[in-house]
Amino acid sequence: MASHMPGPAAGSNPVPGRLSIYRDRSLLGETGHSETIEHYGRVAARILISAIFLLSGVGKIMNWDETETQMAHQGMILVPFFHVAAILVEVLGGLSLLLGFWSRLGALVLLLYLIPVTLTFHLFWTYPPEQQHLQMILFLHNLALMGGLLMVITGRDSLRPPR
């Protein structure tokens, strides 16, 4: 009868000089997790997600008339009000993610903002055939952003690196 022998501990190498499959298991989440990687991964995610909102908000300022024309073309009412509101949401929400200051609240506001934006501007099946593919990509892009924002909202977020 063979006895059950436990495998080597994470990070140990049973055969010196040979690469161990156990060495980096913490990176895969099999034997725990690396708090440092988790922390800096969350910071990087917030920075990457914030970039699109910050650039979009600044773009709405730099291309003021074009933005309002596009909003009016989509049948929006109170265009000047919603234009300024969109700039504030995108810039302030993007900054909260970038800086990690009230990032969960910023992510929640951005998530709630993306719902009507996606349903107003990117219902790809309502566009002419030649525009449907691009609009589908933008629709799915916004869904992916919503997923990333949900991860920020539901995850631990801290400016302090792990000890």
Foldseek 3Di string as FASTA:
>chain_A
DDDDDDDDAALDDPDPPDDDPRPCVQVVVPRHHDLQCVQVVQLVLLLVLLVVLQVVLVVCVVPVVVQLVVCVVLVDPPSVVVSVVSSCLSNVLSVCSNVVPVNLVSLVSVLVVLPVVLVRPQPLVVDPPVCSVVSVVVSVVSVVSSVSSVCVNPDDTDPDRDD
